[in-house]
PDB file of N, CA and C in Angstrom:
ATOM      1  N   MET A   1     -21.659  43.019   3.788  1.00  0.00           N
ATOM      2  CA  MET A   1     -20.949  42.276   2.756  1.00  0.00           C
ATOM      3  C   MET A   1     -19.473  42.090   3.134  1.00  0.00           C
ATOM      4  N   ALA A   2     -18.825  43.133   3.603  1.00  0.00           N
ATOM      5  CA  ALA A   2     -17.420  43.039   4.002  1.00  0.00           C
ATOM      6  C   ALA A   2     -17.266  42.082   5.169  1.00  0.00           C
ATOM      7  N   ASN A   3     -18.260  42.068   6.057  1.00  0.00           N
ATOM      8  CA  ASN A   3     -18.234  41.176   7.207  1.00  0.00           C
ATOM      9  C   ASN A   3     -18.317  39.710   6.776  1.00  0.00           C
ATOM     10  N   GLU A   4     -19.138  39.446   5.758  1.00  0.00           N
ATOM     11  CA  GLU A   4     -19.249  38.080   5.227  1.00  0.00           C
ATOM     12  C   GLU A   4     -17.917  37.611   4.642  1.00  0.00           C
ATOM     13  N   LYS A   5     -17.228  38.506   3.932  1.00  0.00           N
ATOM     14  CA  LYS A   5     -15.927  38.165   3.347  1.00  0.00           C
ATOM     15  C   LYS A   5     -14.900  37.885   4.435  1.00  0.00           C
ATOM     16  N   ALA A   6     -14.935  38.708   5.479  1.00  0.00           N
ATOM     17  CA  ALA A   6     -14.009  38.502   6.599  1.00  0.00           C
ATOM     18  C   ALA A   6     -14.299  37.183   7.300  1.00  0.00           C
ATOM     19  N   ASP A   7     -15.584  36.853   7.459  1.00  0.00           N
ATOM     20  CA  ASP A   7     -15.957  35.583   8.083  1.00  0.00           C
ATOM     21  C   ASP A   7     -15.502  34.407   7.232  1.00  0.00           C
ATOM     22  N   LYS A   8     -15.658  34.530   5.928  1.00  0.00           N
ATOM     23  CA  LYS A   8     -15.253  33.456   5.013  1.00  0.00           C
ATOM     24  C   LYS A   8     -13.740  33.235   5.106  1.00  0.00           C
ATOM     25  N   LEU A   9     -12.986  34.342   5.105  1.00  0.00           N
ATOM     26  CA  LEU A   9     -11.536  34.253   5.227  1.00  0.00           C
ATOM     27  C   LEU A   9     -11.142  33.636   6.568  1.00  0.00           C
ATOM     28  N   LYS A  10     -11.842  33.995   7.603  1.00  0.00           N
ATOM     29  CA  LYS A  10     -11.589  33.439   8.937  1.00  0.00           C
ATOM     30  C   LYS A  10     -11.817  31.925   8.930  1.00  0.00           C
ATOM     31  N   ASP A  11     -12.886  31.487   8.256  1.00  0.00           N
ATOM     32  CA  ASP A  11     -13.176  30.053   8.146  1.00  0.00           C
ATOM     33  C   ASP A  11     -12.067  29.318   7.387  1.00  0.00           C
ATOM     34  N   PHE A  12     -11.625  29.909   6.279  1.00  0.00           N
ATOM     35  CA  PHE A  12     -10.536  29.300   5.520  1.00  0.00           C
ATOM     36  C   PHE A  12      -9.296  29.147   6.396  1.00  0.00           C
ATOM     37  N   ARG A  13      -8.966  30.201   7.120  1.00  0.00           N
ATOM     38  CA  ARG A  13      -7.773  30.181   7.968  1.00  0.00           C
ATOM     39  C   ARG A  13      -7.915  29.181   9.109  1.00  0.00           C
ATOM     40  N   LYS A  14      -9.117  29.048   9.621  1.00  0.00           N
ATOM     41  CA  LYS A  14      -9.368  28.060  10.679  1.00  0.00           C
ATOM     42  C   LYS A  14      -9.100  26.648  10.144  1.00  0.00           C
ATOM     43  N   ASN A  15      -9.563  26.395   8.922  1.00  0.00           N
ATOM     44  CA  ASN A  15      -9.318  25.089   8.291  1.00  0.00           C
ATOM     45  C   ASN A  15      -7.826  24.858   8.059  1.00  0.00           C
ATOM     46  N   ILE A  16      -7.118  25.892   7.605  1.00  0.00           N
ATOM     47  CA  ILE A  16      -5.677  25.781   7.396  1.00  0.00           C
ATOM     48  C   ILE A  16      -4.976  25.473   8.715  1.00  0.00           C
ATOM     49  N   ASP A  17      -5.377  26.157   9.790  1.00  0.00           N
ATOM     50  CA  ASP A  17      -4.770  25.917  11.104  1.00  0.00           C
ATOM     51  C   ASP A  17      -4.971  24.468  11.546  1.00  0.00           C
ATOM     52  N   LYS A  18      -6.149  23.935  11.285  1.00  0.00           N
ATOM     53  CA  LYS A  18      -6.444  22.539  11.645  1.00  0.00           C
ATOM     54  C   LYS A  18      -5.558  21.585  10.841  1.00  0.00           C
ATOM     55  N   ILE A  19      -5.463  21.830   9.552  1.00  0.00           N
ATOM     56  CA  ILE A  19      -4.637  20.985   8.684  1.00  0.00           C
ATOM     57  C   ILE A  19      -3.169  21.080   9.088  1.00  0.00           C
ATOM     58  N   ASP A  20      -2.707  22.303   9.396  1.00  0.00           N
ATOM     59  CA  ASP A  20      -1.319  22.474   9.842  1.00  0.00           C
ATOM     60  C   ASP A  20      -1.039  21.658  11.099  1.00  0.00           C
ATOM     61  N   GLY A  21      -1.997  21.610  12.008  1.00  0.00           N
ATOM     62  CA  GLY A  21      -1.841  20.805  13.218  1.00  0.00           C
ATOM     63  C   GLY A  21      -1.712  19.325  12.894  1.00  0.00           C
ATOM     64  N   GLU A  22      -2.513  18.873  11.924  1.00  0.00           N
ATOM     65  CA  GLU A  22      -2.456  17.465  11.515  1.00  0.00           C
ATOM     66  C   GLU A  22      -1.110  17.159  10.854  1.00  0.00           C
ATOM     67  N   ILE A  23      -0.636  18.068  10.001  1.00  0.00           N
ATOM     68  CA  ILE A  23       0.659  17.879   9.345  1.00  0.00           C
ATOM     69  C   ILE A  23       1.767  17.815  10.393  1.00  0.00           C
ATOM     70  N   LEU A  24       1.716  18.727  11.354  1.00  0.00           N
ATOM     71  CA  LEU A  24       2.727  18.748  12.417  1.00  0.00           C
ATOM     72  C   LEU A  24       2.751  17.435  13.186  1.00  0.00           C
ATOM     73  N   LYS A  25       1.586  16.902  13.532  1.00  0.00           N
ATOM     74  CA  LYS A  25       1.496  15.627  14.254  1.00  0.00           C
ATOM     75  C   LYS A  25       2.105  14.506  13.414  1.00  0.00           C
ATOM     76  N   LEU A  26       1.762  14.465  12.143  1.00  0.00           N
ATOM     77  CA  LEU A  26       2.289  13.416  11.264  1.00  0.00           C
ATOM     78  C   LEU A  26       3.807  13.532  11.094  1.00  0.00           C
ATOM     79  N   LEU A  27       4.311  14.759  10.979  1.00  0.00           N
ATOM     80  CA  LEU A  27       5.764  14.934  10.878  1.00  0.00           C
ATOM     81  C   LEU A  27       6.451  14.502  12.164  1.00  0.00           C
ATOM     82  N   ALA A  28       5.854  14.829  13.304  1.00  0.00           N
ATOM     83  CA  ALA A  28       6.428  14.397  14.579  1.00  0.00           C
ATOM     84  C   ALA A  28       6.472  12.872  14.649  1.00  0.00           C
ATOM     85  N   ASP A  29       5.405  12.224  14.204  1.00  0.00           N
ATOM     86  CA  ASP A  29       5.367  10.753  14.169  1.00  0.00           C
ATOM     87  C   ASP A  29       6.454  10.211  13.237  1.00  0.00           C
ATOM     88  N   ARG A  30       6.585  10.838  12.069  1.00  0.00           N
ATOM     89  CA  ARG A  30       7.583  10.401  11.091  1.00  0.00           C
ATOM     90  C   ARG A  30       8.988  10.539  11.671  1.00  0.00           C
ATOM     91  N   PHE A  31       9.261  11.678  12.307  1.00  0.00           N
ATOM     92  CA  PHE A  31      10.597  11.911  12.837  1.00  0.00           C
ATOM     93  C   PHE A  31      10.922  10.991  14.010  1.00  0.00           C
ATOM     94  N   THR A  32       9.914  10.567  14.744  1.00  0.00           N
ATOM     95  CA  THR A  32      10.129   9.580  15.809  1.00  0.00           C
ATOM     96  C   THR A  32      10.628   8.268  15.202  1.00  0.00           C
ATOM     97  N   ILE A  33      10.009   7.859  14.114  1.00  0.00           N
ATOM     98  CA  ILE A  33      10.426   6.634  13.422  1.00  0.00           C
ATOM     99  C   ILE A  33      11.808   6.824  12.806  1.00  0.00           C
ATOM    100  N   VAL A  34      12.054   8.007  12.247  1.00  0.00           N
ATOM    101  CA  VAL A  34      13.349   8.311  11.638  1.00  0.00           C
ATOM    102  C   VAL A  34      14.472   8.154  12.669  1.00  0.00           C
ATOM    103  N   LYS A  35      14.240   8.605  13.886  1.00  0.00           N
ATOM    104  CA  LYS A  35      15.242   8.452  14.951  1.00  0.00           C
ATOM    105  C   LYS A  35      15.535   6.977  15.199  1.00  0.00           C
ATOM    106  N   LYS A  36      14.488   6.160  15.213  1.00  0.00           N
ATOM    107  CA  LYS A  36      14.673   4.718  15.413  1.00  0.00           C
ATOM    108  C   LYS A  36      15.462   4.109  14.264  1.00  0.00           C
ATOM    109  N   ILE A  37      15.169   4.564  13.054  1.00  0.00           N
ATOM    110  CA  ILE A  37      15.894   4.074  11.881  1.00  0.00           C
ATOM    111  C   ILE A  37      17.366   4.458  11.991  1.00  0.00           C
ATOM    112  N   GLY A  38      17.625   5.688  12.424  1.00  0.00           N
ATOM    113  CA  GLY A  38      19.010   6.140  12.592  1.00  0.00           C
ATOM    114  C   GLY A  38      19.771   5.278  13.578  1.00  0.00           C
ATOM    115  N   LYS A  39      19.143   4.967  14.711  1.00  0.00           N
ATOM    116  CA  LYS A  39      19.789   4.088  15.702  1.00  0.00           C
ATOM    117  C   LYS A  39      20.050   2.712  15.114  1.00  0.00           C
ATOM    118  N   TYR A  40      19.060   2.181  14.408  1.00  0.00           N
ATOM    119  CA  TYR A  40      19.207   0.868  13.780  1.00  0.00           C
ATOM    120  C   TYR A  40      20.371   0.877  12.797  1.00  0.00           C
ATOM    121  N   LYS A  41      20.421   1.923  11.959  1.00  0.00           N
ATOM    122  CA  LYS A  41      21.485   1.998  10.955  1.00  0.00           C
ATOM    123  C   LYS A  41      22.861   2.085  11.609  1.00  0.00           C
ATOM    124  N   ARG A  42      22.998   2.919  12.645  1.00  0.00           N
ATOM    125  CA  ARG A  42      24.288   3.044  13.325  1.00  0.00           C
ATOM    126  C   ARG A  42      24.696   1.717  13.955  1.00  0.00           C
ATOM    127  N   PHE A  43      23.768   1.062  14.610  1.00  0.00           N
ATOM    128  CA  PHE A  43      24.048  -0.204  15.290  1.00  0.00           C
ATOM    129  C   PHE A  43      24.453  -1.298  14.302  1.00  0.00           C
ATOM    130  N   ASN A  44      23.852  -1.236  13.101  1.00  0.00           N
ATOM    131  CA  ASN A  44      24.085  -2.286  12.113  1.00  0.00           C
ATOM    132  C   ASN A  44      25.035  -1.876  10.986  1.00  0.00           C
ATOM    133  N   GLY A  45      25.661  -0.725  11.127  1.00  0.00           N
ATOM    134  CA  GLY A  45      26.644  -0.305  10.135  1.00  0.00           C
ATOM    135  C   GLY A  45      26.066   0.020   8.768  1.00  0.00           C
ATOM    136  N   VAL A  46      24.834   0.493   8.742  1.00  0.00           N
ATOM    137  CA  VAL A  46      24.182   0.841   7.481  1.00  0.00           C
ATOM    138  C   VAL A  46      24.349   2.343   7.242  1.00  0.00           C
ATOM    139  N   LYS A  47      24.641   2.726   5.998  1.00  0.00           N
ATOM    140  CA  LYS A  47      24.803   4.139   5.660  1.00  0.00           C
ATOM    141  C   LYS A  47      23.479   4.881   5.843  1.00  0.00           C
ATOM    142  N   ILE A  48      23.583   6.133   6.276  1.00  0.00           N
ATOM    143  CA  ILE A  48      22.393   6.974   6.434  1.00  0.00           C
ATOM    144  C   ILE A  48      21.774   7.264   5.076  1.00  0.00           C
ATOM    145  N   PHE A  49      22.609   7.644   4.111  1.00  0.00           N
ATOM    146  CA  PHE A  49      22.116   8.030   2.791  1.00  0.00           C
ATOM    147  C   PHE A  49      21.870   6.809   1.927  1.00  0.00           C
ATOM    148  N   ASP A  50      20.645   6.691   1.409  1.00  0.00           N
ATOM    149  CA  ASP A  50      20.263   5.587   0.529  1.00  0.00           C
ATOM    150  C   ASP A  50      19.537   6.197  -0.668  1.00  0.00           C
ATOM    151  N   LYS A  51      20.306   6.491  -1.718  1.00  0.00           N
ATOM    152  CA  LYS A  51      19.758   7.167  -2.903  1.00  0.00           C
ATOM    153  C   LYS A  51      18.593   6.382  -3.513  1.00  0.00           C
ATOM    154  N   GLU A  52      18.699   5.065  -3.554  1.00  0.00           N
ATOM    155  CA  GLU A  52      17.633   4.246  -4.145  1.00  0.00           C
ATOM    156  C   GLU A  52      16.323   4.420  -3.359  1.00  0.00           C
ATOM    157  N   ARG A  53      16.411   4.374  -2.050  1.00  0.00           N
ATOM    158  CA  ARG A  53      15.219   4.551  -1.197  1.00  0.00           C
ATOM    159  C   ARG A  53      14.642   5.949  -1.370  1.00  0.00           C
ATOM    160  N   GLU A  54      15.515   6.944  -1.422  1.00  0.00           N
ATOM    161  CA  GLU A  54      15.065   8.323  -1.613  1.00  0.00           C
ATOM    162  C   GLU A  54      14.311   8.465  -2.940  1.00  0.00           C
ATOM    163  N   ASN A  55      14.853   7.878  -3.998  1.00  0.00           N
ATOM    164  CA  ASN A  55      14.179   7.914  -5.300  1.00  0.00           C
ATOM    165  C   ASN A  55      12.834   7.198  -5.263  1.00  0.00           C
ATOM    166  N   GLN A  56      12.774   6.064  -4.549  1.00  0.00           N
ATOM    167  CA  GLN A  56      11.505   5.341  -4.414  1.00  0.00           C
ATOM    168  C   GLN A  56      10.450   6.228  -3.750  1.00  0.00           C
ATOM    169  N   ILE A  57      10.842   6.901  -2.671  1.00  0.00           N
ATOM    170  CA  ILE A  57       9.917   7.775  -1.954  1.00  0.00           C
ATOM    171  C   ILE A  57       9.432   8.886  -2.866  1.00  0.00           C
ATOM    172  N   LEU A  58      10.349   9.561  -3.542  1.00  0.00           N
ATOM    173  CA  LEU A  58       9.970  10.687  -4.395  1.00  0.00           C
ATOM    174  C   LEU A  58       9.098  10.248  -5.566  1.00  0.00           C
ATOM    175  N   ASN A  59       9.415   9.099  -6.160  1.00  0.00           N
ATOM    176  CA  ASN A  59       8.579   8.600  -7.256  1.00  0.00           C
ATOM    177  C   ASN A  59       7.178   8.252  -6.775  1.00  0.00           C
ATOM    178  N   LYS A  60       7.102   7.614  -5.627  1.00  0.00           N
ATOM    179  CA  LYS A  60       5.798   7.263  -5.065  1.00  0.00           C
ATOM    180  C   LYS A  60       4.978   8.526  -4.762  1.00  0.00           C
ATOM    181  N   ILE A  61       5.639   9.531  -4.207  1.00  0.00           N
ATOM    182  CA  ILE A  61       4.970  10.777  -3.866  1.00  0.00           C
ATOM    183  C   ILE A  61       4.455  11.477  -5.127  1.00  0.00           C
ATOM    184  N   LYS A  62       5.242  11.460  -6.182  1.00  0.00           N
ATOM    185  CA  LYS A  62       4.798  12.075  -7.447  1.00  0.00           C
ATOM    186  C   LYS A  62       3.531  11.407  -7.955  1.00  0.00           C
ATOM    187  N   ILE A  63       3.513  10.089  -7.918  1.00  0.00           N
ATOM    188  CA  ILE A  63       2.343   9.336  -8.372  1.00  0.00           C
ATOM    189  C   ILE A  63       1.139   9.645  -7.484  1.00  0.00           C
ATOM    190  N   GLU A  64       1.357   9.622  -6.168  1.00  0.00           N
ATOM    191  CA  GLU A  64       0.272   9.899  -5.217  1.00  0.00           C
ATOM    192  C   GLU A  64      -0.267  11.315  -5.387  1.00  0.00           C
ATOM    193  N   SER A  65       0.621  12.267  -5.669  1.00  0.00           N
ATOM    194  CA  SER A  65       0.182  13.659  -5.795  1.00  0.00           C
ATOM    195  C   SER A  65      -0.784  13.834  -6.962  1.00  0.00           C
ATOM    196  N   ARG A  66      -0.659  13.007  -7.974  1.00  0.00           N
ATOM    197  CA  ARG A  66      -1.577  13.087  -9.128  1.00  0.00           C
ATOM    198  C   ARG A  66      -3.002  12.726  -8.726  1.00  0.00           C
ATOM    199  N   LYS A  67      -3.144  11.798  -7.783  1.00  0.00           N
ATOM    200  CA  LYS A  67      -4.479  11.407  -7.311  1.00  0.00           C
ATOM    201  C   LYS A  67      -5.220  12.597  -6.717  1.00  0.00           C
ATOM    202  N   TYR A  68      -4.450  13.466  -6.058  1.00  0.00           N
ATOM    203  CA  TYR A  68      -5.052  14.606  -5.367  1.00  0.00           C
ATOM    204  C   TYR A  68      -5.015  15.881  -6.207  1.00  0.00           C
ATOM    205  N   LYS A  69      -4.532  15.730  -7.456  1.00  0.00           N
ATOM    206  CA  LYS A  69      -4.453  16.851  -8.386  1.00  0.00           C
ATOM    207  C   LYS A  69      -3.682  18.031  -7.790  1.00  0.00           C
ATOM    208  N   THR A  70      -2.554  17.700  -7.165  1.00  0.00           N
ATOM    209  CA  THR A  70      -1.687  18.737  -6.617  1.00  0.00           C
ATOM    210  C   THR A  70      -0.515  18.954  -7.558  1.00  0.00           C
ATOM    211  N   ASN A  71       0.173  20.040  -7.390  1.00  0.00           N
ATOM    212  CA  ASN A  71       1.332  20.347  -8.200  1.00  0.00           C
ATOM    213  C   ASN A  71       2.482  19.439  -7.775  1.00  0.00           C
ATOM    214  N   GLU A  72       2.892  18.570  -8.672  1.00  0.00           N
ATOM    215  CA  GLU A  72       3.939  17.585  -8.357  1.00  0.00           C
ATOM    216  C   GLU A  72       5.226  18.250  -7.900  1.00  0.00           C
ATOM    217  N   LYS A  73       5.585  19.350  -8.515  1.00  0.00           N
ATOM    218  CA  LYS A  73       6.848  20.023  -8.182  1.00  0.00           C
ATOM    219  C   LYS A  73       6.812  20.560  -6.755  1.00  0.00           C
ATOM    220  N   TYR A  74       5.691  21.147  -6.345  1.00  0.00           N
ATOM    221  CA  TYR A  74       5.571  21.658  -4.978  1.00  0.00           C
ATOM    222  C   TYR A  74       5.687  20.522  -3.968  1.00  0.00           C
ATOM    223  N   ILE A  75       4.983  19.445  -4.256  1.00  0.00           N
ATOM    224  CA  ILE A  75       4.996  18.295  -3.347  1.00  0.00           C
ATOM    225  C   ILE A  75       6.397  17.686  -3.291  1.00  0.00           C
ATOM    226  N   GLU A  76       7.036  17.577  -4.451  1.00  0.00           N
ATOM    227  CA  GLU A  76       8.394  17.029  -4.492  1.00  0.00           C
ATOM    228  C   GLU A  76       9.342  17.890  -3.645  1.00  0.00           C
ATOM    229  N   ASN A  77       9.229  19.201  -3.755  1.00  0.00           N
ATOM    230  CA  ASN A  77      10.091  20.094  -2.972  1.00  0.00           C
ATOM    231  C   ASN A  77       9.859  19.917  -1.471  1.00  0.00           C
ATOM    232  N   ILE A  78       8.614  19.773  -1.076  1.00  0.00           N
ATOM    233  CA  ILE A  78       8.290  19.562   0.339  1.00  0.00           C
ATOM    234  C   ILE A  78       8.920  18.265   0.831  1.00  0.00           C
ATOM    235  N   PHE A  79       8.764  17.202   0.050  1.00  0.00           N
ATOM    236  CA  PHE A  79       9.305  15.908   0.477  1.00  0.00           C
ATOM    237  C   PHE A  79      10.821  15.862   0.420  1.00  0.00           C
ATOM    238  N   LYS A  80      11.430  16.593  -0.492  1.00  0.00           N
ATOM    239  CA  LYS A  80      12.895  16.677  -0.490  1.00  0.00           C
ATOM    240  C   LYS A  80      13.366  17.305   0.814  1.00  0.00           C
ATOM    241  N   SER A  81      12.650  18.307   1.272  1.00  0.00           N
ATOM    242  CA  SER A  81      12.989  18.944   2.540  1.00  0.00           C
ATOM    243  C   SER A  81      12.784  17.987   3.715  1.00  0.00           C
ATOM    244  N   ILE A  82      11.689  17.242   3.695  1.00  0.00           N
ATOM    245  CA  ILE A  82      11.422  16.256   4.749  1.00  0.00           C
ATOM    246  C   ILE A  82      12.536  15.203   4.765  1.00  0.00           C
ATOM    247  N   ILE A  83      12.917  14.724   3.602  1.00  0.00           N
ATOM    248  CA  ILE A  83      13.971  13.706   3.502  1.00  0.00           C
ATOM    249  C   ILE A  83      15.303  14.278   3.988  1.00  0.00           C
ATOM    250  N   LYS A  84      15.615  15.499   3.574  1.00  0.00           N
ATOM    251  CA  LYS A  84      16.866  16.135   4.013  1.00  0.00           C
ATOM    252  C   LYS A  84      16.906  16.233   5.545  1.00  0.00           C
ATOM    253  N   ASN A  85      15.802  16.680   6.129  1.00  0.00           N
ATOM    254  CA  ASN A  85      15.760  16.792   7.573  1.00  0.00           C
ATOM    255  C   ASN A  85      15.784  15.431   8.252  1.00  0.00           C
ATOM    256  N   SER A  86      15.189  14.441   7.631  1.00  0.00           N
ATOM    257  CA  SER A  86      15.208  13.078   8.176  1.00  0.00           C
ATOM    258  C   SER A  86      16.631  12.540   8.232  1.00  0.00           C
ATOM    259  N   LYS A  87      17.412  12.824   7.180  1.00  0.00           N
ATOM    260  CA  LYS A  87      18.813  12.379   7.183  1.00  0.00           C
ATOM    261  C   LYS A  87      19.598  13.072   8.280  1.00  0.00           C
ATOM    262  N   GLU A  88      19.324  14.338   8.511  1.00  0.00           N
ATOM    263  CA  GLU A  88      20.003  15.077   9.587  1.00  0.00           C
ATOM    264  C   GLU A  88      19.648  14.475  10.949  1.00  0.00           C
ATOM    265  N   ILE A  89      18.385  14.143  11.136  1.00  0.00           N
ATOM    266  CA  ILE A  89      17.934  13.538  12.404  1.00  0.00           C
ATOM    267  C   ILE A  89      18.619  12.192  12.619  1.00  0.00           C
ATOM    268  N   GLN A  90      18.803  11.426  11.543  1.00  0.00           N
ATOM    269  CA  GLN A  90      19.424  10.105  11.675  1.00  0.00           C
ATOM    270  C   GLN A  90      20.900  10.186  12.060  1.00  0.00           C
ATOM    271  N   LYS A  91      21.546  11.303  11.744  1.00  0.00           N
ATOM    272  CA  LYS A  91      22.983  11.446  12.051  1.00  0.00           C
ATOM    273  C   LYS A  91      23.166  11.513  13.498  1.00  0.00           C
TER     274      LYS A  91
END
């Protein structure tokens, strides 16, 4: 019985590891685009910080998170961190 529980936990962790890899790949893809946006903004004299765009992203994410029945606050915090780091990358 204890072995079955350990196997189940191992399976859960294996799935988490796979998902983490997918998240990492997607973040790497996002940050590659963010770098291009930063270059574009510098070349064209556009400010890095765009509060309206940031609000659009966060509002869209809140709506999307409801589809997946996730905690909106957790998702919002994650995306605030992604946005913060994206602005740093653009600098």
